[in-house]
Amino acid sequence: MHGLKARQVVEKLKEDKNVDWNDYPMGYRYGTFIKKSKYEKNVKNPKTGEELVCMRTKSEAFSFKLEDFDSKYIELFNLKTWNEVFEKGILNRDDLILEPLFSDLLASDNKE
């Protein structure tokens, strides 16, 4: 496989070993990006009984294929939250796949 381009390796896997690259989850093929996401939560102050809206964060993992290099992706790696990525138009949330590979790990991180 040395000296072959990525596409040639994928074809060789399919032909020689009957391994179809496209059958594997996006997270295995292209990696997984984990960032925090901000969201609002309604809470009640236990002392005063006052209803409040506060900002919380949770970890979310997404997998996606970066078709071509674009300088905007440099900013993607430097931003702290997915909210910032979506607000700046670097990626569209609807185009991403929420990655189930890390759901157990992230569930423990997202406990209140």
PDB file of N, CA and C in Angstrom:
ATOM      1  N   MET A   1       0.817  -1.186   0.000  1.00  0.00           N
ATOM      2  CA  MET A   1       0.000   0.000   0.000  1.00  0.00           C
ATOM      3  C   MET A   1       0.864   1.253   0.000  1.00  0.00           C
ATOM      4  N   HIS A   2       2.154   1.038   0.243  1.00  0.00           N
ATOM      5  CA  HIS A   2       3.077   2.168   0.229  1.00  0.00           C
ATOM      6  C   HIS A   2       3.098   2.788  -1.162  1.00  0.00           C
ATOM      7  N   GLY A   3       3.000   4.093  -1.217  1.00  0.00           N
ATOM      8  CA  GLY A   3       3.063   4.812  -2.485  1.00  0.00           C
ATOM      9  C   GLY A   3       1.722   4.960  -3.179  1.00  0.00           C
ATOM     10  N   LEU A   4       0.666   4.370  -2.618  1.00  0.00           N
ATOM     11  CA  LEU A   4      -0.661   4.497  -3.220  1.00  0.00           C
ATOM     12  C   LEU A   4      -1.379   5.723  -2.675  1.00  0.00           C
ATOM     13  N   LYS A   5      -2.222   6.304  -3.495  1.00  0.00           N
ATOM     14  CA  LYS A   5      -3.061   7.411  -3.042  1.00  0.00           C
ATOM     15  C   LYS A   5      -4.211   6.841  -2.221  1.00  0.00           C
ATOM     16  N   ALA A   6      -4.837   7.686  -1.411  1.00  0.00           N
ATOM     17  CA  ALA A   6      -5.913   7.243  -0.517  1.00  0.00           C
ATOM     18  C   ALA A   6      -7.015   6.518  -1.287  1.00  0.00           C
ATOM     19  N   ARG A   7      -7.421   7.049  -2.407  1.00  0.00           N
ATOM     20  CA  ARG A   7      -8.477   6.428  -3.210  1.00  0.00           C
ATOM     21  C   ARG A   7      -8.062   5.025  -3.672  1.00  0.00           C
ATOM     22  N   GLN A   8      -6.780   4.876  -4.026  1.00  0.00           N
ATOM     23  CA  GLN A   8      -6.279   3.577  -4.466  1.00  0.00           C
ATOM     24  C   GLN A   8      -6.260   2.568  -3.313  1.00  0.00           C
ATOM     25  N   VAL A   9      -5.948   3.036  -2.117  1.00  0.00           N
ATOM     26  CA  VAL A   9      -5.956   2.163  -0.945  1.00  0.00           C
ATOM     27  C   VAL A   9      -7.371   1.673  -0.670  1.00  0.00           C
ATOM     28  N   VAL A  10      -8.339   2.570  -0.771  1.00  0.00           N
ATOM     29  CA  VAL A  10      -9.739   2.206  -0.547  1.00  0.00           C
ATOM     30  C   VAL A  10     -10.177   1.159  -1.576  1.00  0.00           C
ATOM     31  N   GLU A  11      -9.810   1.359  -2.833  1.00  0.00           N
ATOM     32  CA  GLU A  11     -10.160   0.394  -3.881  1.00  0.00           C
ATOM     33  C   GLU A  11      -9.484  -0.952  -3.641  1.00  0.00           C
ATOM     34  N   LYS A  12      -8.233  -0.917  -3.223  1.00  0.00           N
ATOM     35  CA  LYS A  12      -7.480  -2.151  -2.964  1.00  0.00           C
ATOM     36  C   LYS A  12      -8.087  -2.925  -1.791  1.00  0.00           C
ATOM     37  N   LEU A  13      -8.495  -2.238  -0.754  1.00  0.00           N
ATOM     38  CA  LEU A  13      -9.161  -2.887   0.380  1.00  0.00           C
ATOM     39  C   LEU A  13     -10.434  -3.600  -0.082  1.00  0.00           C
ATOM     40  N   LYS A  14     -11.187  -2.933  -0.944  1.00  0.00           N
ATOM     41  CA  LYS A  14     -12.445  -3.499  -1.444  1.00  0.00           C
ATOM     42  C   LYS A  14     -12.173  -4.735  -2.301  1.00  0.00           C
ATOM     43  N   GLU A  15     -11.214  -4.628  -3.190  1.00  0.00           N
ATOM     44  CA  GLU A  15     -10.919  -5.719  -4.127  1.00  0.00           C
ATOM     45  C   GLU A  15     -10.226  -6.899  -3.436  1.00  0.00           C
ATOM     46  N   ASP A  16      -9.199  -6.622  -2.641  1.00  0.00           N
ATOM     47  CA  ASP A  16      -8.374  -7.694  -2.069  1.00  0.00           C
ATOM     48  C   ASP A  16      -8.949  -8.295  -0.792  1.00  0.00           C
ATOM     49  N   LYS A  17      -9.566  -7.484   0.043  1.00  0.00           N
ATOM     50  CA  LYS A  17     -10.012  -7.942   1.367  1.00  0.00           C
ATOM     51  C   LYS A  17     -11.520  -7.859   1.558  1.00  0.00           C
ATOM     52  N   ASN A  18     -12.234  -7.395   0.530  1.00  0.00           N
ATOM     53  CA  ASN A  18     -13.687  -7.225   0.605  1.00  0.00           C
ATOM     54  C   ASN A  18     -14.095  -6.313   1.777  1.00  0.00           C
ATOM     55  N   VAL A  19     -13.306  -5.271   2.002  1.00  0.00           N
ATOM     56  CA  VAL A  19     -13.578  -4.281   3.050  1.00  0.00           C
ATOM     57  C   VAL A  19     -14.046  -3.010   2.364  1.00  0.00           C
ATOM     58  N   ASP A  20     -15.302  -2.643   2.611  1.00  0.00           N
ATOM     59  CA  ASP A  20     -15.858  -1.434   2.008  1.00  0.00           C
ATOM     60  C   ASP A  20     -15.733  -0.273   2.985  1.00  0.00           C
ATOM     61  N   TRP A  21     -14.885   0.651   2.637  1.00  0.00           N
ATOM     62  CA  TRP A  21     -14.599   1.823   3.472  1.00  0.00           C
ATOM     63  C   TRP A  21     -15.876   2.574   3.837  1.00  0.00           C
ATOM     64  N   ASN A  22     -16.815   2.645   2.926  1.00  0.00           N
ATOM     65  CA  ASN A  22     -18.048   3.405   3.140  1.00  0.00           C
ATOM     66  C   ASN A  22     -19.008   2.729   4.109  1.00  0.00           C
ATOM     67  N   ASP A  23     -18.760   1.484   4.469  1.00  0.00           N
ATOM     68  CA  ASP A  23     -19.594   0.792   5.450  1.00  0.00           C
ATOM     69  C   ASP A  23     -19.258   1.197   6.885  1.00  0.00           C
ATOM     70  N   TYR A  24     -18.116   1.818   7.088  1.00  0.00           N
ATOM     71  CA  TYR A  24     -17.691   2.207   8.425  1.00  0.00           C
ATOM     72  C   TYR A  24     -18.281   3.559   8.809  1.00  0.00           C
ATOM     73  N   PRO A  25     -18.511   3.783  10.113  1.00  0.00           N
ATOM     74  CA  PRO A  25     -19.063   5.072  10.562  1.00  0.00           C
ATOM     75  C   PRO A  25     -18.142   6.231  10.186  1.00  0.00           C
ATOM     76  N   MET A  26     -18.755   7.394  10.000  1.00  0.00           N
ATOM     77  CA  MET A  26     -17.991   8.603   9.653  1.00  0.00           C
ATOM     78  C   MET A  26     -16.864   8.863  10.649  1.00  0.00           C
ATOM     79  N   GLY A  27     -17.112   8.594  11.924  1.00  0.00           N
ATOM     80  CA  GLY A  27     -16.097   8.828  12.942  1.00  0.00           C
ATOM     81  C   GLY A  27     -14.835   8.016  12.719  1.00  0.00           C
ATOM     82  N   TYR A  28     -14.975   6.805  12.206  1.00  0.00           N
ATOM     83  CA  TYR A  28     -13.809   5.960  11.901  1.00  0.00           C
ATOM     84  C   TYR A  28     -13.098   6.447  10.648  1.00  0.00           C
ATOM     85  N   ARG A  29     -13.868   6.934   9.686  1.00  0.00           N
ATOM     86  CA  ARG A  29     -13.286   7.332   8.408  1.00  0.00           C
ATOM     87  C   ARG A  29     -12.627   8.699   8.452  1.00  0.00           C
ATOM     88  N   TYR A  30     -13.251   9.653   9.123  1.00  0.00           N
ATOM     89  CA  TYR A  30     -12.767  11.034   9.049  1.00  0.00           C
ATOM     90  C   TYR A  30     -12.429  11.655  10.399  1.00  0.00           C
ATOM     91  N   GLY A  31     -12.651  10.912  11.465  1.00  0.00           N
ATOM     92  CA  GLY A  31     -12.366  11.446  12.789  1.00  0.00           C
ATOM     93  C   GLY A  31     -13.596  12.090  13.405  1.00  0.00           C
ATOM     94  N   THR A  32     -13.467  12.431  14.658  1.00  0.00           N
ATOM     95  CA  THR A  32     -14.567  13.013  15.411  1.00  0.00           C
ATOM     96  C   THR A  32     -14.091  14.295  16.065  1.00  0.00           C
ATOM     97  N   PHE A  33     -14.906  15.321  15.988  1.00  0.00           N
ATOM     98  CA  PHE A  33     -14.598  16.610  16.583  1.00  0.00           C
ATOM     99  C   PHE A  33     -15.519  16.806  17.774  1.00  0.00           C
ATOM    100  N   ILE A  34     -14.938  17.019  18.944  1.00  0.00           N
ATOM    101  CA  ILE A  34     -15.718  17.208  20.163  1.00  0.00           C
ATOM    102  C   ILE A  34     -15.503  18.630  20.656  1.00  0.00           C
ATOM    103  N   LYS A  35     -16.601  19.332  20.852  1.00  0.00           N
ATOM    104  CA  LYS A  35     -16.586  20.690  21.404  1.00  0.00           C
ATOM    105  C   LYS A  35     -17.770  20.833  22.347  1.00  0.00           C
ATOM    106  N   LYS A  36     -17.753  21.864  23.126  1.00  0.00           N
ATOM    107  CA  LYS A  36     -18.888  22.194  23.986  1.00  0.00           C
ATOM    108  C   LYS A  36     -19.947  22.920  23.156  1.00  0.00           C
ATOM    109  N   SER A  37     -21.205  22.771  23.556  1.00  0.00           N
ATOM    110  CA  SER A  37     -22.322  23.540  22.999  1.00  0.00           C
ATOM    111  C   SER A  37     -23.026  24.229  24.147  1.00  0.00           C
ATOM    112  N   LYS A  38     -23.399  25.488  23.941  1.00  0.00           N
ATOM    113  CA  LYS A  38     -24.132  26.232  24.963  1.00  0.00           C
ATOM    114  C   LYS A  38     -25.630  26.082  24.719  1.00  0.00           C
ATOM    115  N   TYR A  39     -26.385  25.995  25.812  1.00  0.00           N
ATOM    116  CA  TYR A  39     -27.841  25.959  25.711  1.00  0.00           C
ATOM    117  C   TYR A  39     -28.436  26.581  26.963  1.00  0.00           C
ATOM    118  N   GLU A  40     -29.672  27.051  26.830  1.00  0.00           N
ATOM    119  CA  GLU A  40     -30.365  27.662  27.965  1.00  0.00           C
ATOM    120  C   GLU A  40     -31.159  26.602  28.709  1.00  0.00           C
ATOM    121  N   LYS A  41     -31.209  26.753  30.033  1.00  0.00           N
ATOM    122  CA  LYS A  41     -31.957  25.819  30.864  1.00  0.00           C
ATOM    123  C   LYS A  41     -32.786  26.608  31.869  1.00  0.00           C
ATOM    124  N   ASN A  42     -34.057  26.242  31.990  1.00  0.00           N
ATOM    125  CA  ASN A  42     -34.924  26.859  32.995  1.00  0.00           C
ATOM    126  C   ASN A  42     -34.654  26.200  34.338  1.00  0.00           C
ATOM    127  N   VAL A  43     -34.387  27.016  35.340  1.00  0.00           N
ATOM    128  CA  VAL A  43     -34.116  26.517  36.693  1.00  0.00           C
ATOM    129  C   VAL A  43     -34.930  27.322  37.698  1.00  0.00           C
ATOM    130  N   LYS A  44     -35.009  26.793  38.888  1.00  0.00           N
ATOM    131  CA  LYS A  44     -35.729  27.470  39.957  1.00  0.00           C
ATOM    132  C   LYS A  44     -34.765  27.658  41.123  1.00  0.00           C
ATOM    133  N   ASN A  45     -34.658  28.899  41.587  1.00  0.00           N
ATOM    134  CA  ASN A  45     -33.819  29.203  42.738  1.00  0.00           C
ATOM    135  C   ASN A  45     -34.462  28.554  43.970  1.00  0.00           C
ATOM    136  N   PRO A  46     -33.764  27.611  44.626  1.00  0.00           N
ATOM    137  CA  PRO A  46     -34.376  26.910  45.760  1.00  0.00           C
ATOM    138  C   PRO A  46     -34.653  27.811  46.967  1.00  0.00           C
ATOM    139  N   LYS A  47     -33.931  28.904  47.103  1.00  0.00           N
ATOM    140  CA  LYS A  47     -34.136  29.795  48.249  1.00  0.00           C
ATOM    141  C   LYS A  47     -35.302  30.760  48.033  1.00  0.00           C
ATOM    142  N   THR A  48     -35.391  31.302  46.802  1.00  0.00           N
ATOM    143  CA  THR A  48     -36.410  32.323  46.544  1.00  0.00           C
ATOM    144  C   THR A  48     -37.604  31.791  45.748  1.00  0.00           C
ATOM    145  N   GLY A  49     -37.423  30.645  45.114  1.00  0.00           N
ATOM    146  CA  GLY A  49     -38.485  30.106  44.273  1.00  0.00           C
ATOM    147  C   GLY A  49     -38.591  30.791  42.923  1.00  0.00           C
ATOM    148  N   GLU A  50     -37.684  31.727  42.672  1.00  0.00           N
ATOM    149  CA  GLU A  50     -37.705  32.482  41.420  1.00  0.00           C
ATOM    150  C   GLU A  50     -37.290  31.589  40.245  1.00  0.00           C
ATOM    151  N   GLU A  51     -38.060  31.693  39.135  1.00  0.00           N
ATOM    152  CA  GLU A  51     -37.727  30.969  37.906  1.00  0.00           C
ATOM    153  C   GLU A  51     -36.658  31.758  37.152  1.00  0.00           C
ATOM    154  N   LEU A  52     -35.607  31.082  36.752  1.00  0.00           N
ATOM    155  CA  LEU A  52     -34.500  31.721  36.040  1.00  0.00           C
ATOM    156  C   LEU A  52     -34.160  30.932  34.784  1.00  0.00           C
ATOM    157  N   VAL A  53     -33.534  31.605  33.846  1.00  0.00           N
ATOM    158  CA  VAL A  53     -32.976  30.940  32.676  1.00  0.00           C
ATOM    159  C   VAL A  53     -31.466  31.112  32.780  1.00  0.00           C
ATOM    160  N   CYS A  54     -30.751  29.990  32.785  1.00  0.00           N
ATOM    161  CA  CYS A  54     -29.295  30.085  32.878  1.00  0.00           C
ATOM    162  C   CYS A  54     -28.655  29.384  31.681  1.00  0.00           C
ATOM    163  N   MET A  55     -27.413  29.697  31.442  1.00  0.00           N
ATOM    164  CA  MET A  55     -26.674  29.124  30.325  1.00  0.00           C
ATOM    165  C   MET A  55     -25.875  27.929  30.830  1.00  0.00           C
ATOM    166  N   ARG A  56     -25.993  26.810  30.145  1.00  0.00           N
ATOM    167  CA  ARG A  56     -25.262  25.588  30.462  1.00  0.00           C
ATOM    168  C   ARG A  56     -24.459  25.170  29.234  1.00  0.00           C
ATOM    169  N   THR A  57     -23.548  24.236  29.423  1.00  0.00           N
ATOM    170  CA  THR A  57     -22.820  23.666  28.293  1.00  0.00           C
ATOM    171  C   THR A  57     -22.900  22.149  28.356  1.00  0.00           C
ATOM    172  N   LYS A  58     -22.765  21.545  27.193  1.00  0.00           N
ATOM    173  CA  LYS A  58     -22.673  20.093  27.095  1.00  0.00           C
ATOM    174  C   LYS A  58     -21.692  19.775  25.973  1.00  0.00           C
ATOM    175  N   SER A  59     -21.069  18.624  26.055  1.00  0.00           N
ATOM    176  CA  SER A  59     -20.150  18.196  25.011  1.00  0.00           C
ATOM    177  C   SER A  59     -20.924  17.508  23.899  1.00  0.00           C
ATOM    178  N   GLU A  60     -20.564  17.819  22.650  1.00  0.00           N
ATOM    179  CA  GLU A  60     -21.169  17.171  21.498  1.00  0.00           C
ATOM    180  C   GLU A  60     -20.069  16.756  20.533  1.00  0.00           C
ATOM    181  N   ALA A  61     -20.227  15.576  19.965  1.00  0.00           N
ATOM    182  CA  ALA A  61     -19.253  15.045  19.007  1.00  0.00           C
ATOM    183  C   ALA A  61     -19.887  14.965  17.629  1.00  0.00           C
ATOM    184  N   PHE A  62     -19.207  15.525  16.639  1.00  0.00           N
ATOM    185  CA  PHE A  62     -19.673  15.476  15.261  1.00  0.00           C
ATOM    186  C   PHE A  62     -18.582  14.913  14.367  1.00  0.00           C
ATOM    187  N   SER A  63     -19.007  14.203  13.336  1.00  0.00           N
ATOM    188  CA  SER A  63     -18.101  13.709  12.309  1.00  0.00           C
ATOM    189  C   SER A  63     -18.522  14.301  10.976  1.00  0.00           C
ATOM    190  N   PHE A  64     -17.545  14.659  10.176  1.00  0.00           N
ATOM    191  CA  PHE A  64     -17.836  15.218   8.866  1.00  0.00           C
ATOM    192  C   PHE A  64     -16.588  15.145   8.018  1.00  0.00           C
ATOM    193  N   LYS A  65     -16.797  15.161   6.733  1.00  0.00           N
ATOM    194  CA  LYS A  65     -15.682  15.117   5.783  1.00  0.00           C
ATOM    195  C   LYS A  65     -15.406  16.523   5.289  1.00  0.00           C
ATOM    196  N   LEU A  66     -14.179  16.948   5.414  1.00  0.00           N
ATOM    197  CA  LEU A  66     -13.764  18.235   4.865  1.00  0.00           C
ATOM    198  C   LEU A  66     -13.322  17.984   3.430  1.00  0.00           C
ATOM    199  N   GLU A  67     -14.147  18.381   2.473  1.00  0.00           N
ATOM    200  CA  GLU A  67     -13.893  18.087   1.063  1.00  0.00           C
ATOM    201  C   GLU A  67     -12.571  18.686   0.576  1.00  0.00           C
ATOM    202  N   ASP A  68     -12.432  19.975   0.732  1.00  0.00           N
ATOM    203  CA  ASP A  68     -11.238  20.680   0.270  1.00  0.00           C
ATOM    204  C   ASP A  68     -10.746  21.585   1.385  1.00  0.00           C
ATOM    205  N   PHE A  69      -9.460  21.859   1.386  1.00  0.00           N
ATOM    206  CA  PHE A  69      -8.944  22.762   2.402  1.00  0.00           C
ATOM    207  C   PHE A  69      -9.479  24.159   2.162  1.00  0.00           C
ATOM    208  N   ASP A  70      -9.886  24.790   3.244  1.00  0.00           N
ATOM    209  CA  ASP A  70     -10.351  26.166   3.211  1.00  0.00           C
ATOM    210  C   ASP A  70      -9.812  26.816   4.483  1.00  0.00           C
ATOM    211  N   SER A  71      -9.334  28.031   4.390  1.00  0.00           N
ATOM    212  CA  SER A  71      -8.735  28.695   5.555  1.00  0.00           C
ATOM    213  C   SER A  71      -9.730  28.866   6.701  1.00  0.00           C
ATOM    214  N   LYS A  72     -11.035  28.826   6.406  1.00  0.00           N
ATOM    215  CA  LYS A  72     -12.020  28.952   7.481  1.00  0.00           C
ATOM    216  C   LYS A  72     -11.942  27.776   8.453  1.00  0.00           C
ATOM    217  N   TYR A  73     -11.413  26.626   7.996  1.00  0.00           N
ATOM    218  CA  TYR A  73     -11.306  25.471   8.875  1.00  0.00           C
ATOM    219  C   TYR A  73     -10.259  25.665   9.970  1.00  0.00           C
ATOM    220  N   ILE A  74      -9.311  26.551   9.753  1.00  0.00           N
ATOM    221  CA  ILE A  74      -8.335  26.866  10.796  1.00  0.00           C
ATOM    222  C   ILE A  74      -9.069  27.446  11.995  1.00  0.00           C
ATOM    223  N   GLU A  75     -10.023  28.329  11.727  1.00  0.00           N
ATOM    224  CA  GLU A  75     -10.816  28.922  12.795  1.00  0.00           C
ATOM    225  C   GLU A  75     -11.675  27.862  13.496  1.00  0.00           C
ATOM    226  N   LEU A  76     -12.161  26.883  12.739  1.00  0.00           N
ATOM    227  CA  LEU A  76     -12.955  25.789  13.309  1.00  0.00           C
ATOM    228  C   LEU A  76     -12.213  25.136  14.476  1.00  0.00           C
ATOM    229  N   PHE A  77     -10.940  24.896  14.318  1.00  0.00           N
ATOM    230  CA  PHE A  77     -10.163  24.218  15.351  1.00  0.00           C
ATOM    231  C   PHE A  77      -9.850  25.116  16.541  1.00  0.00           C
ATOM    232  N   ASN A  78      -9.930  26.413  16.356  1.00  0.00           N
ATOM    233  CA  ASN A  78      -9.591  27.337  17.435  1.00  0.00           C
ATOM    234  C   ASN A  78     -10.796  27.834  18.232  1.00  0.00           C
ATOM    235  N   LEU A  79     -11.997  27.692  17.700  1.00  0.00           N
ATOM    236  CA  LEU A  79     -13.177  28.155  18.422  1.00  0.00           C
ATOM    237  C   LEU A  79     -13.524  27.194  19.553  1.00  0.00           C
ATOM    238  N   LYS A  80     -14.058  27.740  20.625  1.00  0.00           N
ATOM    239  CA  LYS A  80     -14.308  26.958  21.834  1.00  0.00           C
ATOM    240  C   LYS A  80     -15.601  26.145  21.770  1.00  0.00           C
ATOM    241  N   THR A  81     -16.655  26.689  21.151  1.00  0.00           N
ATOM    242  CA  THR A  81     -17.950  26.001  21.155  1.00  0.00           C
ATOM    243  C   THR A  81     -18.481  25.794  19.736  1.00  0.00           C
ATOM    244  N   TRP A  82     -19.368  24.798  19.594  1.00  0.00           N
ATOM    245  CA  TRP A  82     -20.050  24.580  18.321  1.00  0.00           C
ATOM    246  C   TRP A  82     -20.915  25.785  17.977  1.00  0.00           C
ATOM    247  N   ASN A  83     -21.476  26.437  18.994  1.00  0.00           N
ATOM    248  CA  ASN A  83     -22.312  27.615  18.743  1.00  0.00           C
ATOM    249  C   ASN A  83     -21.537  28.655  17.929  1.00  0.00           C
ATOM    250  N   GLU A  84     -20.289  28.887  18.289  1.00  0.00           N
ATOM    251  CA  GLU A  84     -19.461  29.862  17.572  1.00  0.00           C
ATOM    252  C   GLU A  84     -19.209  29.403  16.137  1.00  0.00           C
ATOM    253  N   VAL A  85     -18.963  28.110  15.950  1.00  0.00           N
ATOM    254  CA  VAL A  85     -18.717  27.558  14.611  1.00  0.00           C
ATOM    255  C   VAL A  85     -19.927  27.794  13.719  1.00  0.00           C
ATOM    256  N   PHE A  86     -21.133  27.518  14.259  1.00  0.00           N
ATOM    257  CA  PHE A  86     -22.355  27.674  13.467  1.00  0.00           C
ATOM    258  C   PHE A  86     -22.681  29.141  13.226  1.00  0.00           C
ATOM    259  N   GLU A  87     -22.485  29.994  14.250  1.00  0.00           N
ATOM    260  CA  GLU A  87     -22.779  31.422  14.110  1.00  0.00           C
ATOM    261  C   GLU A  87     -21.894  32.081  13.062  1.00  0.00           C
ATOM    262  N   LYS A  88     -20.635  31.646  12.962  1.00  0.00           N
ATOM    263  CA  LYS A  88     -19.713  32.228  11.987  1.00  0.00           C
ATOM    264  C   LYS A  88     -19.900  31.631  10.595  1.00  0.00           C
ATOM    265  N   GLY A  89     -20.761  30.623  10.474  1.00  0.00           N
ATOM    266  CA  GLY A  89     -21.027  30.026   9.170  1.00  0.00           C
ATOM    267  C   GLY A  89     -19.925  29.118   8.662  1.00  0.00           C
ATOM    268  N   ILE A  90     -19.057  28.667   9.546  1.00  0.00           N
ATOM    269  CA  ILE A  90     -17.969  27.778   9.137  1.00  0.00           C
ATOM    270  C   ILE A  90     -18.533  26.420   8.725  1.00  0.00           C
ATOM    271  N   LEU A  91     -19.461  25.921   9.506  1.00  0.00           N
ATOM    272  CA  LEU A  91     -20.179  24.680   9.200  1.00  0.00           C
ATOM    273  C   LEU A  91     -21.655  24.904   9.496  1.00  0.00           C
ATOM    274  N   ASN A  92     -22.498  24.090   8.889  1.00  0.00           N
ATOM    275  CA  ASN A  92     -23.926  24.132   9.135  1.00  0.00           C
ATOM    276  C   ASN A  92     -24.302  22.903   9.955  1.00  0.00           C
ATOM    277  N   ARG A  93     -24.944  23.106  11.086  1.00  0.00           N
ATOM    278  CA  ARG A  93     -25.299  21.993  11.978  1.00  0.00           C
ATOM    279  C   ARG A  93     -26.099  20.910  11.253  1.00  0.00           C
ATOM    280  N   ASP A  94     -26.961  21.304  10.328  1.00  0.00           N
ATOM    281  CA  ASP A  94     -27.798  20.345   9.607  1.00  0.00           C
ATOM    282  C   ASP A  94     -26.995  19.428   8.688  1.00  0.00           C
ATOM    283  N   ASP A  95     -25.772  19.831   8.338  1.00  0.00           N
ATOM    284  CA  ASP A  95     -24.928  19.026   7.448  1.00  0.00           C
ATOM    285  C   ASP A  95     -24.034  18.051   8.207  1.00  0.00           C
ATOM    286  N   LEU A  96     -24.058  18.108   9.528  1.00  0.00           N
ATOM    287  CA  LEU A  96     -23.167  17.277  10.342  1.00  0.00           C
ATOM    288  C   LEU A  96     -23.888  16.052  10.871  1.00  0.00           C
ATOM    289  N   ILE A  97     -23.124  15.023  11.166  1.00  0.00           N
ATOM    290  CA  ILE A  97     -23.667  13.802  11.746  1.00  0.00           C
ATOM    291  C   ILE A  97     -23.252  13.762  13.208  1.00  0.00           C
ATOM    292  N   LEU A  98     -24.251  13.737  14.099  1.00  0.00           N
ATOM    293  CA  LEU A  98     -23.969  13.598  15.521  1.00  0.00           C
ATOM    294  C   LEU A  98     -23.356  12.222  15.719  1.00  0.00           C
ATOM    295  N   GLU A  99     -22.160  12.170  16.245  1.00  0.00           N
ATOM    296  CA  GLU A  99     -21.388  10.933  16.282  1.00  0.00           C
ATOM    297  C   GLU A  99     -21.763  10.079  17.487  1.00  0.00           C
ATOM    298  N   PRO A 100     -22.322   8.882  17.261  1.00  0.00           N
ATOM    299  CA  PRO A 100     -22.719   8.016  18.371  1.00  0.00           C
ATOM    300  C   PRO A 100     -21.551   7.266  19.012  1.00  0.00           C
ATOM    301  N   LEU A 101     -20.380   7.274  18.386  1.00  0.00           N
ATOM    302  CA  LEU A 101     -19.252   6.494  18.899  1.00  0.00           C
ATOM    303  C   LEU A 101     -18.849   6.885  20.311  1.00  0.00           C
ATOM    304  N   PHE A 102     -19.066   8.133  20.681  1.00  0.00           N
ATOM    305  CA  PHE A 102     -18.634   8.615  21.983  1.00  0.00           C
ATOM    306  C   PHE A 102     -19.803   8.942  22.902  1.00  0.00           C
ATOM    307  N   SER A 103     -20.993   8.453  22.597  1.00  0.00           N
ATOM    308  CA  SER A 103     -22.177   8.824  23.373  1.00  0.00           C
ATOM    309  C   SER A 103     -22.045   8.447  24.847  1.00  0.00           C
ATOM    310  N   ASP A 104     -21.488   7.285  25.157  1.00  0.00           N
ATOM    311  CA  ASP A 104     -21.314   6.880  26.553  1.00  0.00           C
ATOM    312  C   ASP A 104     -20.349   7.808  27.283  1.00  0.00           C
ATOM    313  N   LEU A 105     -19.245   8.116  26.639  1.00  0.00           N
ATOM    314  CA  LEU A 105     -18.243   8.996  27.237  1.00  0.00           C
ATOM    315  C   LEU A 105     -18.815  10.385  27.470  1.00  0.00           C
ATOM    316  N   LEU A 106     -19.512  10.935  26.478  1.00  0.00           N
ATOM    317  CA  LEU A 106     -20.041  12.291  26.588  1.00  0.00           C
ATOM    318  C   LEU A 106     -21.218  12.361  27.554  1.00  0.00           C
ATOM    319  N   ALA A 107     -21.963  11.276  27.691  1.00  0.00           N
ATOM    320  CA  ALA A 107     -23.105  11.271  28.614  1.00  0.00           C
ATOM    321  C   ALA A 107     -22.629  11.521  30.031  1.00  0.00           C
ATOM    322  N   SER A 108     -21.499  10.948  30.414  1.00  0.00           N
ATOM    323  CA  SER A 108     -20.986  11.169  31.764  1.00  0.00           C
ATOM    324  C   SER A 108     -20.468  12.595  31.924  1.00  0.00           C
ATOM    325  N   ASP A 109     -19.979  13.182  30.832  1.00  0.00           N
ATOM    326  CA  ASP A 109     -19.487  14.565  30.861  1.00  0.00           C
ATOM    327  C   ASP A 109     -20.638  15.565  30.940  1.00  0.00           C
ATOM    328  N   ASN A 110     -21.810  15.191  30.419  1.00  0.00           N
ATOM    329  CA  ASN A 110     -22.930  16.116  30.325  1.00  0.00           C
ATOM    330  C   ASN A 110     -23.904  16.030  31.489  1.00  0.00           C
ATOM    331  N   LYS A 111     -23.574  15.305  32.497  1.00  0.00           N
ATOM    332  CA  LYS A 111     -24.485  15.206  33.660  1.00  0.00           C
ATOM    333  C   LYS A 111     -24.524  16.537  34.382  1.00  0.00           C
ATOM    334  N   GLU A 112     -25.699  16.883  34.843  1.00  0.00           N
ATOM    335  CA  GLU A 112     -25.902  18.172  35.544  1.00  0.00           C
ATOM    336  C   GLU A 112     -25.259  18.132  36.910  1.00  0.00           C
TER     337      GLU A 112
END
